[in-house]
Amino acid sequence: MKRFTRFIICLGLICPAMAMADVIYVSGDQTGTWSADTVIVTAEVRVPTGQSLTILPGVEVLFQVYCKLVVDSAATLRAVGTAADSIRFDALLSDSSWHGIRFLSASDSCRLEYCYLTHSLASGEGDDNCGGAIYCSRSNPIILHNTISGNSSGAGGGIYCEASSPTISENAIIENSGGYGGGAIYCIDNSNPIIGHNIVSRNGCQARGSCGQGIYCSGGNPIISDNTISENGGGLYGSGGGIYCNEGNPIISGNTIYANWAHGGGGIADGAGSLIIGNTIYGNTGIWGGNGIACGDSSIIVGNIISENGFEHQHECVGGGISCGADCIIINNTISGNYAENVGGIESDSGTTVVNCILWGNQGLGGQIRGIEQVSYSDIEGGYPGTGNIDIDPLFVDPENGNFHLMSIFCGDSAESPCIDAGDLNILDSLLDCSWGRGGPRSDMGAYGGGDSVIVGIGGNDCQIPIRFGIFQNYPNPFNAQTTIQYSLPSRSFVTIDVFDILGRKIQTLAEGIKPAGKHQTIWVASDQSSGIYFYRIKANGNADTKKMILVK
């Protein structure tokens, strides 16, 4: 393994001990392979249009002056290290900086893997002020297994995406600053990144009104899944301590989001009508509202655990667990132990629906829930009007230690939760075991019942023409060998359904052609695929939606 050596300048010369290392000096157009121990960049370097540059494991790339590494149109940069022998991008001197790696309509073959990127600063006019370590414009690089730390910019302290769809997976994105947005990651202009399995921690934005202390997305269909997003915060009057989404059709799934803060939406601030599914959100603070989640109209919030957000004496805050606008759908969430001065659990405008939720132990002068007429099959401390609602201790297994499963004698617990098999009759548990639904097929209340389920029709409803475009969660999920995907069309449409792997590569097209209005289904037979996370995306008449599924063999 090559050992990185930080260069020291002695009286204007490189020290003799350092001169013994394998060193090259570069500037201008660069192609071929960098294999030296150390590459010193003396002026801006560029991979020219249609050309390629490969950087081998163990190479240290040090910038002697403030400049960029630019990857031009259809050009390829492959900087692929290993877990034992990473590639380092840094400034030569400890008190200086460089201007990041910038992909400009670059080839889809670009790849950064097992790299360490630090001390980069994006500054200047226009786009030069964006993308601290990595800037993507109409480019879709693979960004995998990297450490991106200590970088800053006007937007996107770690990574900036403009009309780009990179795969950003299994990185540590830590202690970056995004100025007015996206301390770690900033995505705009119909960017569709897959952001999965990353650690996003201690990033922030310092500008007044900045949004997305961790991740900021505006427009496009990003998939933000299975990340650990923690301790992000900063700025004045901004929204989204962990994640902020505005416009587009984001999916925020399976993330652990804790100890973030912002003025609105400590964990998540959503103005896009996102699908927020299966996240664990705790210990976040939104100063004025939505300690766990603050969202606008039409968000769909399914199967989340939202606990211990907010703090006592948090004045004028509403919605300790969730604060949302009109027409939201809130299904199978467990909302417990949150605090807000006004409403401890959920506060919403008209048209919102709450089904199969548990609201217990939340504190606020306005009670557990306020402003919602359509509440059913939910366990609400203090009671609440609506079909199937109850007011009985839900009997969580160990809430003090974050275990919000329902007690079940079948699973070895000392009691049986009243929330088991008490959910909506039209929703089924997708799993029946001690890690999920603990009774029969009828949905349990709370995050572990029905969250990945199929909503089934009653009587003749299946024959009606759907009023809106939609795709349902595959069933079963997780699955072995094959699974069924259902979707609905309000009118005759040309439909495409594709399956992608975790790196965003298309695996298979399940459907392509004209379909009549109504409800349809297709089956994916995945016997030749390996276990893992996959995504399926439907497009029809200008509409698009994406969901996650898990193959387990």
Protein backbone atom coordinates (compact mmCIF):
# COMPACT_ATOMS: atom_id res chain seq x y z
CA MET A 1 0.00 0.00 0.00
CA LYS A 2 1.33 3.43 -0.90
CA ARG A 3 1.75 5.84 2.02
CA PHE A 4 0.44 9.36 1.53
CA THR A 5 2.99 12.10 2.28
CA ARG A 6 1.92 15.70 2.82
CA PHE A 7 4.44 17.92 1.02
CA ILE A 8 6.33 20.59 2.97
CA ILE A 9 7.80 23.67 1.34
CA CYS A 10 11.29 24.53 2.72
CA LEU A 11 12.54 27.99 1.76
CA GLY A 12 10.65 27.79 -1.52
CA LEU A 13 12.01 24.33 -2.40
CA ILE A 14 10.69 20.83 -1.88
CA CYS A 15 12.55 19.22 1.01
CA PRO A 16 15.18 16.66 -0.12
CA ALA A 17 13.42 13.83 1.68
CA MET A 18 10.26 14.55 -0.30
CA ALA A 19 12.13 14.81 -3.59
CA MET A 20 12.88 11.10 -3.38
CA ALA A 21 9.19 10.26 -3.85
CA ASP A 22 7.76 9.42 -7.29
CA VAL A 23 6.36 12.83 -8.27
CA ILE A 24 4.98 14.31 -11.48
CA TYR A 25 3.81 17.88 -12.19
CA VAL A 26 0.77 18.42 -14.40
CA SER A 27 -1.28 21.19 -15.97
CA GLY A 28 -3.49 21.67 -19.03
CA ASP A 29 -4.97 18.76 -21.00
CA GLN A 30 -4.41 15.33 -19.43
CA THR A 31 -5.08 11.83 -20.83
CA GLY A 32 -3.76 8.34 -20.18
CA THR A 33 -2.88 7.19 -16.66
CA TRP A 34 -1.60 8.85 -13.50
CA SER A 35 0.40 6.21 -11.62
CA ALA A 36 2.99 8.25 -9.69
CA ASP A 37 2.90 8.33 -5.90
CA THR A 38 2.17 12.06 -6.04
CA VAL A 39 0.71 14.25 -8.76
CA ILE A 40 1.18 17.99 -8.19
CA VAL A 41 -1.26 20.18 -10.12
CA THR A 42 0.40 23.48 -11.03
CA ALA A 43 -2.49 24.95 -13.09
CA GLU A 44 -5.99 23.91 -14.16
CA VAL A 45 -6.10 20.40 -15.61
CA ARG A 46 -8.69 19.15 -18.07
CA VAL A 47 -9.67 15.80 -19.56
CA PRO A 48 -10.44 16.90 -23.15
CA THR A 49 -13.62 16.11 -25.05
CA GLY A 50 -13.95 12.40 -25.80
CA GLN A 51 -10.66 11.50 -24.05
CA SER A 52 -10.03 9.60 -20.81
CA LEU A 53 -7.84 9.81 -17.73
CA THR A 54 -7.30 6.98 -15.24
CA ILE A 55 -5.90 7.53 -11.72
CA LEU A 56 -4.53 4.39 -10.08
CA PRO A 57 -4.98 3.34 -6.44
CA GLY A 58 -2.71 5.07 -3.93
CA VAL A 59 -2.08 8.21 -5.99
CA GLU A 60 -2.11 11.50 -4.10
CA VAL A 61 -3.31 14.46 -6.20
CA LEU A 62 -2.21 17.75 -4.63
CA PHE A 63 -3.16 21.18 -5.99
CA GLN A 64 -0.33 23.68 -5.74
CA VAL A 65 -2.60 26.56 -6.79
CA TYR A 66 -6.31 27.22 -6.55
CA CYS A 67 -7.69 25.49 -9.68
CA LYS A 68 -10.00 22.76 -10.98
CA LEU A 69 -9.88 19.29 -12.46
CA VAL A 70 -12.38 19.55 -15.36
CA VAL A 71 -13.87 16.57 -17.18
CA ASP A 72 -15.19 17.82 -20.52
CA SER A 73 -18.02 16.68 -22.79
CA ALA A 74 -18.02 12.90 -23.38
CA ALA A 75 -14.68 12.63 -21.51
CA THR A 76 -14.02 9.97 -18.88
CA LEU A 77 -12.34 10.23 -15.51
CA ARG A 78 -11.82 6.97 -13.62
CA ALA A 79 -10.31 7.49 -10.18
CA VAL A 80 -10.82 4.06 -8.63
CA GLY A 81 -8.89 3.24 -5.48
CA THR A 82 -9.37 0.35 -3.09
CA ALA A 83 -10.38 0.10 0.55
CA ALA A 84 -6.69 -0.40 1.46
CA ASP A 85 -5.22 2.03 -1.06
CA SER A 86 -7.41 5.06 -1.66
CA ILE A 87 -6.85 8.07 -3.92
CA ARG A 88 -6.48 11.47 -2.26
CA PHE A 89 -7.46 14.86 -3.69
CA ASP A 90 -6.24 17.76 -1.55
CA ALA A 91 -4.49 21.13 -1.54
CA LEU A 92 -0.70 21.03 -1.41
CA LEU A 93 -0.42 23.45 1.50
CA SER A 94 -2.38 23.08 4.71
CA ASP A 95 -3.70 26.66 4.61
CA SER A 96 -4.84 26.62 0.95
CA SER A 97 -7.62 25.09 -1.13
CA TRP A 98 -8.49 23.81 -4.61
CA HIS A 99 -11.60 24.11 -6.80
CA GLY A 100 -12.94 20.55 -6.98
CA ILE A 101 -13.63 18.01 -9.72
CA ARG A 102 -16.09 19.31 -12.30
CA PHE A 103 -17.97 17.01 -14.67
CA LEU A 104 -19.36 19.00 -17.64
CA SER A 105 -21.55 16.76 -19.86
CA ALA A 106 -19.02 14.03 -19.13
CA SER A 107 -19.27 10.38 -20.13
CA ASP A 108 -21.48 8.07 -18.06
CA SER A 109 -18.36 5.91 -17.57
CA CYS A 110 -16.90 8.41 -15.08
CA ARG A 111 -16.24 6.89 -11.68
CA LEU A 112 -14.89 8.06 -8.31
CA GLU A 113 -14.39 5.17 -5.92
CA TYR A 114 -12.45 4.93 -2.67
CA CYS A 115 -11.29 8.52 -2.98
CA TYR A 116 -10.71 11.08 -0.24
CA LEU A 117 -11.67 14.65 -1.21
CA THR A 118 -10.95 17.47 1.21
CA HIS A 119 -10.13 21.19 1.51
CA SER A 120 -11.93 22.10 -1.71
CA LEU A 121 -13.62 25.49 -2.01
CA ALA A 122 -15.97 26.50 -4.81
CA SER A 123 -15.98 30.28 -5.09
CA GLY A 124 -16.45 32.89 -7.78
CA GLU A 125 -19.30 33.97 -10.05
CA GLY A 126 -22.21 31.79 -11.18
CA ASP A 127 -21.53 28.05 -11.35
CA ASP A 128 -18.01 28.51 -10.03
CA ASN A 129 -19.63 29.12 -6.65
CA CYS A 130 -21.29 25.68 -6.59
CA GLY A 131 -20.09 22.18 -5.80
CA GLY A 132 -17.38 22.12 -3.18
CA ALA A 133 -15.68 18.81 -3.95
CA ILE A 134 -17.72 17.48 -6.91
CA TYR A 135 -19.73 19.44 -9.48
CA CYS A 136 -21.97 17.59 -11.96
CA SER A 137 -23.60 19.36 -14.90
CA ARG A 138 -25.51 17.04 -17.24
CA SER A 139 -23.30 14.23 -16.02
CA ASN A 140 -24.02 10.92 -14.31
CA PRO A 141 -20.85 9.67 -12.63
CA ILE A 142 -20.70 6.79 -10.17
CA ILE A 143 -19.62 8.19 -6.78
CA LEU A 144 -18.99 5.21 -4.51
CA HIS A 145 -17.15 4.46 -1.24
CA ASN A 146 -15.60 7.95 -0.97
CA THR A 147 -14.89 10.20 1.99
CA ILE A 148 -15.93 13.79 1.20
CA SER A 149 -15.05 16.02 4.14
CA GLY A 150 -14.14 19.60 4.95
CA ASN A 151 -15.26 21.15 1.65
CA SER A 152 -17.37 24.26 1.09
CA SER A 153 -19.23 26.23 -1.57
CA GLY A 154 -22.17 28.55 -2.15
CA ALA A 155 -24.38 25.48 -2.76
CA GLY A 156 -23.58 21.80 -2.39
CA GLY A 157 -20.65 21.74 -0.02
CA GLY A 158 -19.84 18.13 -0.88
CA ILE A 159 -21.63 17.42 -4.19
CA TYR A 160 -23.65 19.61 -6.59
CA CYS A 161 -25.91 18.19 -9.32
CA GLU A 162 -27.45 20.22 -12.14
CA ALA A 163 -29.58 18.26 -14.64
CA SER A 164 -27.57 15.22 -13.57
CA SER A 165 -28.38 11.75 -12.26
CA PRO A 166 -25.31 10.37 -10.52
CA THR A 167 -25.28 7.34 -8.26
CA ILE A 168 -24.06 8.49 -4.84
CA SER A 169 -23.67 5.41 -2.69
CA GLU A 170 -21.82 4.25 0.43
CA ASN A 171 -19.92 7.51 0.92
CA ALA A 172 -19.08 9.38 4.12
CA ILE A 173 -20.08 13.02 3.48
CA ILE A 174 -19.05 14.83 6.63
CA GLU A 175 -18.45 18.40 7.83
CA ASN A 176 -19.05 20.19 4.54
CA SER A 177 -20.68 23.62 4.19
CA GLY A 178 -23.11 24.61 1.46
CA GLY A 179 -23.54 28.32 2.10
CA TYR A 180 -27.19 28.82 1.15
CA GLY A 181 -28.21 25.19 0.48
CA GLY A 182 -27.19 21.54 0.57
CA GLY A 183 -24.44 21.26 3.10
CA ALA A 184 -23.63 17.77 1.82
CA ILE A 185 -25.55 17.42 -1.49
CA TYR A 186 -27.46 19.94 -3.63
CA CYS A 187 -29.55 18.82 -6.65
CA ILE A 188 -31.53 21.02 -9.05
CA ASP A 189 -32.91 21.20 -12.61
CA ASN A 190 -34.50 17.79 -13.00
CA SER A 191 -31.64 15.87 -11.45
CA ASN A 192 -32.54 12.25 -10.64
CA PRO A 193 -29.75 10.99 -8.40
CA ILE A 194 -29.81 7.76 -6.45
CA ILE A 195 -28.51 8.69 -3.01
CA GLY A 196 -28.20 5.49 -0.99
CA HIS A 197 -26.36 3.98 1.98
CA ASN A 198 -24.34 7.12 2.74
CA ILE A 199 -23.33 8.68 6.05
CA VAL A 200 -24.34 12.35 5.89
CA SER A 201 -23.25 14.00 9.10
CA ARG A 202 -22.34 17.39 10.60
CA ASN A 203 -22.89 19.34 7.38
CA GLY A 204 -24.55 22.73 7.33
CA CYS A 205 -25.40 25.97 5.57
CA GLN A 206 -24.56 29.35 7.00
CA ALA A 207 -26.55 31.82 4.88
CA ARG A 208 -29.78 33.38 6.10
CA GLY A 209 -32.77 31.39 4.84
CA SER A 210 -30.62 28.47 3.66
CA CYS A 211 -32.34 25.10 3.15
CA GLY A 212 -31.30 21.48 3.26
CA GLN A 213 -28.55 21.39 5.85
CA GLY A 214 -27.78 17.82 4.80
CA ILE A 215 -29.41 17.16 1.40
CA TYR A 216 -31.26 19.64 -0.84
CA CYS A 217 -33.28 18.58 -3.91
CA SER A 218 -35.43 20.75 -6.14
CA GLY A 219 -37.15 19.16 -9.12
CA GLY A 220 -36.55 15.73 -10.60
CA ASN A 221 -37.18 12.31 -9.10
CA PRO A 222 -34.37 11.65 -6.63
CA ILE A 223 -34.28 8.44 -4.62
CA ILE A 224 -32.87 9.06 -1.14
CA SER A 225 -32.74 5.68 0.58
CA ASP A 226 -31.06 3.87 3.46
CA ASN A 227 -28.79 6.73 4.50
CA THR A 228 -27.77 7.73 8.01
CA ILE A 229 -28.35 11.49 8.21
CA SER A 230 -27.33 13.05 11.52
CA GLU A 231 -26.26 16.24 13.28
CA ASN A 232 -26.71 18.51 10.27
CA GLY A 233 -27.77 22.10 10.92
CA GLY A 234 -26.94 25.76 10.66
CA GLY A 235 -28.08 28.96 9.01
CA LEU A 236 -30.95 31.25 9.93
CA TYR A 237 -34.63 30.66 9.14
CA GLY A 238 -33.94 27.73 6.82
CA SER A 239 -35.82 24.46 6.40
CA GLY A 240 -34.82 20.83 6.38
CA GLY A 241 -32.18 19.90 8.92
CA GLY A 242 -31.63 16.47 7.38
CA ILE A 243 -33.36 16.68 3.98
CA TYR A 244 -35.15 19.41 2.07
CA CYS A 245 -37.10 18.63 -1.13
CA ASN A 246 -38.94 21.16 -3.26
CA GLU A 247 -40.81 20.15 -6.43
CA GLY A 248 -40.41 16.92 -8.37
CA ASN A 249 -41.32 13.42 -7.17
CA PRO A 250 -38.74 12.42 -4.55
CA ILE A 251 -38.74 9.11 -2.70
CA ILE A 252 -37.29 9.30 0.82
CA SER A 253 -37.09 5.72 2.04
CA GLY A 254 -35.49 3.69 4.79
CA ASN A 255 -33.26 6.44 6.17
CA THR A 256 -32.22 6.95 9.78
CA ILE A 257 -32.49 10.70 10.42
CA TYR A 258 -31.53 11.99 13.86
CA ALA A 259 -30.19 15.01 15.78
CA ASN A 260 -30.59 17.45 12.88
CA TRP A 261 -32.00 20.95 13.26
CA ALA A 262 -33.48 23.75 11.19
CA HIS A 263 -36.11 26.43 11.68
CA GLY A 264 -38.68 24.27 9.91
CA GLY A 265 -38.57 20.51 9.46
CA GLY A 266 -35.83 19.34 11.76
CA GLY A 267 -35.60 15.91 10.14
CA ILE A 268 -37.30 16.44 6.76
CA ALA A 269 -38.82 19.51 5.11
CA ASP A 270 -40.82 18.54 2.05
CA GLY A 271 -42.47 20.94 -0.33
CA ALA A 272 -42.60 18.50 -3.23
CA GLY A 273 -45.32 16.05 -2.23
CA SER A 274 -42.73 13.34 -1.64
CA LEU A 275 -43.24 9.70 -0.79
CA ILE A 276 -41.70 9.42 2.69
CA ILE A 277 -41.66 5.76 3.61
CA GLY A 278 -40.09 3.56 6.28
CA ASN A 279 -37.73 6.10 7.85
CA THR A 280 -36.66 6.30 11.48
CA ILE A 281 -36.73 9.96 12.51
CA TYR A 282 -35.78 10.92 16.06
CA GLY A 283 -34.20 13.65 18.15
CA ASN A 284 -34.55 16.38 15.51
CA THR A 285 -35.57 19.99 16.07
CA GLY A 286 -37.56 22.34 13.84
CA ILE A 287 -37.62 25.61 15.74
CA TRP A 288 -40.97 26.84 14.38
CA GLY A 289 -42.62 23.64 13.26
CA GLY A 290 -42.36 20.02 12.22
CA ASN A 291 -39.63 18.75 14.51
CA GLY A 292 -39.72 15.40 12.74
CA ILE A 293 -41.30 16.25 9.36
CA ALA A 294 -42.60 19.54 7.96
CA CYS A 295 -44.28 19.19 4.58
CA GLY A 296 -46.52 21.04 2.19
CA ASP A 297 -49.53 19.69 0.35
CA SER A 298 -49.97 16.13 -0.94
CA SER A 299 -47.05 14.40 0.76
CA ILE A 300 -47.47 10.67 1.34
CA ILE A 301 -46.01 9.58 4.69
CA VAL A 302 -46.04 5.82 5.21
CA GLY A 303 -44.56 3.47 7.80
CA ASN A 304 -42.19 5.85 9.60
CA ILE A 305 -41.10 5.83 13.24
CA ILE A 306 -41.11 9.44 14.43
CA SER A 307 -40.01 9.76 18.05
CA GLU A 308 -38.49 12.15 20.57
CA ASN A 309 -38.31 15.13 18.22
CA GLY A 310 -38.45 18.61 19.76
CA PHE A 311 -37.67 19.76 23.27
CA GLU A 312 -39.53 21.24 26.20
CA HIS A 313 -40.15 25.02 26.16
CA GLN A 314 -39.90 25.13 22.35
CA HIS A 315 -42.14 28.16 21.99
CA GLU A 316 -44.66 28.60 19.16
CA CYS A 317 -43.71 25.28 17.54
CA VAL A 318 -46.52 23.22 15.99
CA GLY A 319 -46.41 19.57 15.01
CA GLY A 320 -43.85 17.85 17.20
CA GLY A 321 -43.94 14.77 14.99
CA ILE A 322 -45.43 16.06 11.72
CA SER A 323 -46.60 19.47 10.55
CA CYS A 324 -48.09 19.36 7.07
CA GLY A 325 -50.26 21.22 4.60
CA ALA A 326 -53.45 20.03 2.93
CA ASP A 327 -54.31 16.71 1.29
CA CYS A 328 -51.50 14.67 2.78
CA ILE A 329 -51.81 10.91 3.31
CA ILE A 330 -50.37 9.63 6.59
CA ILE A 331 -50.51 5.83 6.92
CA ASN A 332 -49.02 3.32 9.38
CA ASN A 333 -46.73 5.68 11.23
CA THR A 334 -45.68 5.39 14.85
CA ILE A 335 -45.47 8.89 16.35
CA SER A 336 -44.39 8.81 19.98
CA GLY A 337 -42.63 10.99 22.53
CA ASN A 338 -42.45 14.15 20.42
CA TYR A 339 -42.84 17.68 21.76
CA ALA A 340 -44.21 20.98 20.45
CA GLU A 341 -45.77 23.86 22.32
CA ASN A 342 -49.01 23.64 20.33
CA VAL A 343 -49.57 20.11 18.94
CA GLY A 344 -47.32 17.27 19.99
CA GLY A 345 -48.15 14.68 17.33
CA ILE A 346 -49.64 15.80 13.97
CA GLU A 347 -50.87 19.21 12.86
CA SER A 348 -52.33 19.60 9.37
CA ASP A 349 -54.57 21.63 7.11
CA SER A 350 -57.77 20.37 5.46
CA GLY A 351 -58.04 17.25 3.35
CA THR A 352 -55.35 15.22 5.12
CA THR A 353 -56.04 11.56 5.84
CA VAL A 354 -54.60 9.62 8.80
CA VAL A 355 -54.97 5.83 8.78
CA ASN A 356 -53.45 3.02 10.90
CA CYS A 357 -51.24 5.34 12.94
CA ILE A 358 -50.24 5.31 16.60
CA LEU A 359 -49.95 8.69 18.37
CA TRP A 360 -48.88 8.10 21.95
CA GLY A 361 -46.89 10.04 24.52
CA ASN A 362 -46.55 13.23 22.48
CA GLN A 363 -46.68 16.51 24.41
CA GLY A 364 -48.28 19.79 23.40
CA LEU A 365 -51.02 22.13 24.58
CA GLY A 366 -53.09 21.18 21.53
CA GLY A 367 -52.93 17.46 22.26
CA GLN A 368 -51.84 14.62 20.03
CA ILE A 369 -53.49 15.71 16.78
CA ARG A 370 -55.28 18.76 15.38
CA GLY A 371 -56.96 19.99 12.22
CA ILE A 372 -57.65 16.59 10.62
CA GLU A 373 -61.17 15.30 10.01
CA GLN A 374 -60.35 12.02 8.27
CA VAL A 375 -58.73 9.91 10.98
CA SER A 376 -59.46 6.20 11.17
CA TYR A 377 -58.15 2.95 12.63
CA SER A 378 -55.58 4.76 14.75
CA ASP A 379 -54.56 4.52 18.41
CA ILE A 380 -54.57 8.08 19.76
CA GLU A 381 -53.86 8.89 23.38
CA GLY A 382 -56.76 10.89 24.76
CA GLY A 383 -59.05 9.66 21.98
CA TYR A 384 -60.10 11.14 18.65
CA PRO A 385 -63.31 10.78 16.59
CA GLY A 386 -63.27 8.49 13.58
CA THR A 387 -63.99 4.94 12.44
CA GLY A 388 -61.97 2.26 14.22
CA ASN A 389 -59.98 4.64 16.44
CA ILE A 390 -58.97 3.48 19.93
CA ASP A 391 -57.40 5.02 23.04
CA ILE A 392 -55.42 2.17 24.63
CA ASP A 393 -51.73 1.88 25.54
CA PRO A 394 -50.18 0.38 22.37
CA LEU A 395 -47.70 -1.70 24.40
CA PHE A 396 -44.47 -1.09 22.51
CA VAL A 397 -41.76 -3.65 23.19
CA ASP A 398 -39.03 -1.23 24.36
CA PRO A 399 -39.67 2.37 23.29
CA GLU A 400 -36.95 3.80 25.57
CA ASN A 401 -34.40 1.98 23.42
CA GLY A 402 -36.12 2.68 20.12
CA ASN A 403 -37.99 -0.63 19.74
CA PHE A 404 -41.51 0.30 18.64
CA HIS A 405 -42.60 -3.19 17.67
CA LEU A 406 -45.91 -4.16 19.20
CA MET A 407 -45.88 -6.66 22.05
CA SER A 408 -47.06 -10.10 20.96
CA ILE A 409 -47.37 -13.27 23.03
CA PHE A 410 -46.58 -15.24 19.87
CA CYS A 411 -43.21 -13.46 19.71
CA GLY A 412 -42.40 -14.18 23.36
CA ASP A 413 -43.62 -10.92 24.88
CA SER A 414 -45.60 -10.76 28.10
CA ALA A 415 -48.69 -9.10 26.60
CA GLU A 416 -50.65 -8.62 23.39
CA SER A 417 -50.86 -5.14 21.89
CA PRO A 418 -54.39 -3.88 21.17
CA CYS A 419 -53.05 -2.47 17.86
CA ILE A 420 -52.45 -5.92 16.34
CA ASP A 421 -55.02 -6.71 13.60
CA ALA A 422 -56.83 -3.46 14.43
CA GLY A 423 -55.99 -1.55 11.25
CA ASP A 424 -58.04 -0.73 8.17
CA LEU A 425 -59.76 -3.80 6.73
CA ASN A 426 -58.70 -2.79 3.22
CA ILE A 427 -54.95 -2.87 4.00
CA LEU A 428 -52.99 -6.08 4.40
CA ASP A 429 -49.72 -6.72 6.21
CA SER A 430 -47.08 -7.59 3.62
CA LEU A 431 -45.21 -9.77 6.12
CA LEU A 432 -46.42 -11.94 8.99
CA ASP A 433 -43.58 -12.59 11.43
CA CYS A 434 -42.04 -11.17 14.57
CA SER A 435 -40.17 -8.48 12.64
CA TRP A 436 -43.32 -7.07 11.01
CA GLY A 437 -47.05 -7.77 11.17
CA ARG A 438 -47.61 -9.80 14.32
CA GLY A 439 -51.13 -11.09 13.85
CA GLY A 440 -53.19 -12.11 10.85
CA PRO A 441 -53.24 -10.54 7.36
CA ARG A 442 -55.27 -7.54 8.50
CA SER A 443 -52.95 -4.60 9.01
CA ASP A 444 -51.60 -3.73 12.43
CA MET A 445 -51.58 -0.10 13.50
CA GLY A 446 -48.21 1.64 13.52
CA ALA A 447 -45.01 1.53 11.50
CA TYR A 448 -44.71 -2.26 11.42
CA GLY A 449 -48.13 -3.00 9.98
CA GLY A 450 -49.13 -2.50 6.38
CA GLY A 451 -46.33 -0.09 5.53
CA ASP A 452 -45.22 -2.17 2.56
CA SER A 453 -48.65 -3.52 1.80
CA VAL A 454 -51.06 -3.54 -1.14
CA ILE A 455 -54.31 -1.64 -0.66
CA VAL A 456 -57.02 -3.98 -1.90
CA GLY A 457 -60.41 -3.11 -3.35
CA ILE A 458 -63.80 -3.81 -1.82
CA GLY A 459 -66.76 -5.16 -3.73
CA GLY A 460 -67.07 -3.64 -7.19
CA ASN A 461 -64.51 -0.90 -6.65
CA ASP A 462 -61.87 -2.78 -8.64
CA CYS A 463 -64.00 -2.28 -11.78
CA GLN A 464 -64.03 1.50 -11.49
CA ILE A 465 -61.72 3.66 -13.61
CA PRO A 466 -59.02 5.14 -11.34
CA ILE A 467 -59.21 8.89 -10.85
CA ARG A 468 -55.41 9.32 -10.84
CA PHE A 469 -52.19 7.79 -12.10
CA GLY A 470 -50.43 5.62 -9.52
CA ILE A 471 -48.15 2.69 -8.87
CA PHE A 472 -48.45 0.54 -5.75
CA GLN A 473 -45.79 -1.08 -3.63
CA ASN A 474 -44.84 -4.47 -5.05
CA TYR A 475 -46.20 -7.50 -3.24
CA PRO A 476 -44.70 -9.38 -1.54
CA ASN A 477 -41.79 -7.19 -0.45
CA PRO A 478 -39.21 -8.41 0.42
CA PHE A 479 -39.64 -11.27 -2.07
CA ASN A 480 -37.90 -14.36 -3.36
CA ALA A 481 -37.86 -15.12 -7.09
CA GLN A 482 -40.91 -13.11 -8.19
CA THR A 483 -43.10 -10.20 -7.17
CA THR A 484 -46.22 -8.43 -8.49
CA ILE A 485 -46.35 -4.72 -9.36
CA GLN A 486 -49.76 -3.05 -9.67
CA TYR A 487 -50.49 0.32 -11.26
CA SER A 488 -53.51 2.42 -12.23
CA LEU A 489 -54.20 4.61 -15.25
CA PRO A 490 -56.99 7.19 -15.40
CA SER A 491 -56.84 7.20 -19.22
CA ARG A 492 -55.37 5.22 -22.15
CA SER A 493 -51.61 5.68 -21.91
CA PHE A 494 -48.28 4.58 -23.33
CA VAL A 495 -46.64 2.88 -20.36
CA THR A 496 -43.02 1.95 -19.64
CA ILE A 497 -41.96 0.06 -16.50
CA ASP A 498 -38.23 -0.46 -15.95
CA VAL A 499 -36.26 -2.15 -13.16
CA PHE A 500 -32.94 -0.67 -11.93
CA ASP A 501 -30.28 -1.95 -9.54
CA ILE A 502 -28.81 0.03 -6.61
CA LEU A 503 -26.24 1.63 -8.95
CA GLY A 504 -28.95 2.94 -11.27
CA ARG A 505 -28.31 0.46 -14.08
CA LYS A 506 -31.40 -0.70 -15.97
CA ILE A 507 -31.89 -4.44 -15.43
CA GLN A 508 -35.06 -5.13 -17.36
CA THR A 509 -38.09 -3.52 -19.02
CA LEU A 510 -41.25 -5.15 -17.64
CA ALA A 511 -43.81 -3.32 -19.76
CA GLU A 512 -43.71 -1.05 -22.79
CA GLY A 513 -46.74 -0.19 -24.85
CA ILE A 514 -50.24 1.26 -24.85
CA LYS A 515 -52.52 0.23 -21.98
CA PRO A 516 -56.22 1.06 -21.50
CA ALA A 517 -57.53 3.03 -18.54
CA GLY A 518 -57.94 0.92 -15.42
CA LYS A 519 -55.92 -1.16 -12.99
CA HIS A 520 -53.10 -3.35 -14.26
CA GLN A 521 -50.34 -5.54 -12.91
CA THR A 522 -47.08 -7.01 -14.10
CA ILE A 523 -44.85 -9.68 -12.57
CA TRP A 524 -41.07 -9.46 -12.25
CA VAL A 525 -39.38 -12.85 -12.25
CA ALA A 526 -35.96 -12.19 -10.69
CA SER A 527 -34.61 -15.74 -10.43
CA ASP A 528 -31.42 -14.73 -12.30
CA GLN A 529 -30.70 -11.70 -10.07
CA SER A 530 -28.75 -11.57 -6.82
CA SER A 531 -30.18 -10.48 -3.47
CA GLY A 532 -30.29 -6.74 -2.92
CA ILE A 533 -32.23 -3.50 -3.34
CA TYR A 534 -33.86 -2.73 -6.69
CA PHE A 535 -36.08 0.08 -7.94
CA TYR A 536 -38.95 0.02 -10.42
CA ARG A 537 -40.02 3.12 -12.32
CA ILE A 538 -43.22 3.66 -14.29
CA LYS A 539 -43.70 6.38 -16.91
CA ALA A 540 -47.06 7.15 -18.48
CA ASN A 541 -48.29 10.27 -20.30
CA GLY A 542 -45.78 12.59 -18.66
CA ASN A 543 -46.19 11.08 -15.20
CA ALA A 544 -43.43 9.15 -13.45
CA ASP A 545 -43.04 7.35 -10.15
CA THR A 546 -40.40 5.11 -8.58
CA LYS A 547 -40.48 2.63 -5.72
CA LYS A 548 -37.98 0.40 -3.94
CA MET A 549 -38.16 -3.40 -3.62
CA ILE A 550 -35.94 -5.94 -1.88
CA LEU A 551 -34.96 -9.32 -3.33
CA VAL A 552 -33.94 -11.88 -0.68
CA LYS A 553 -32.79 -15.36 -1.69
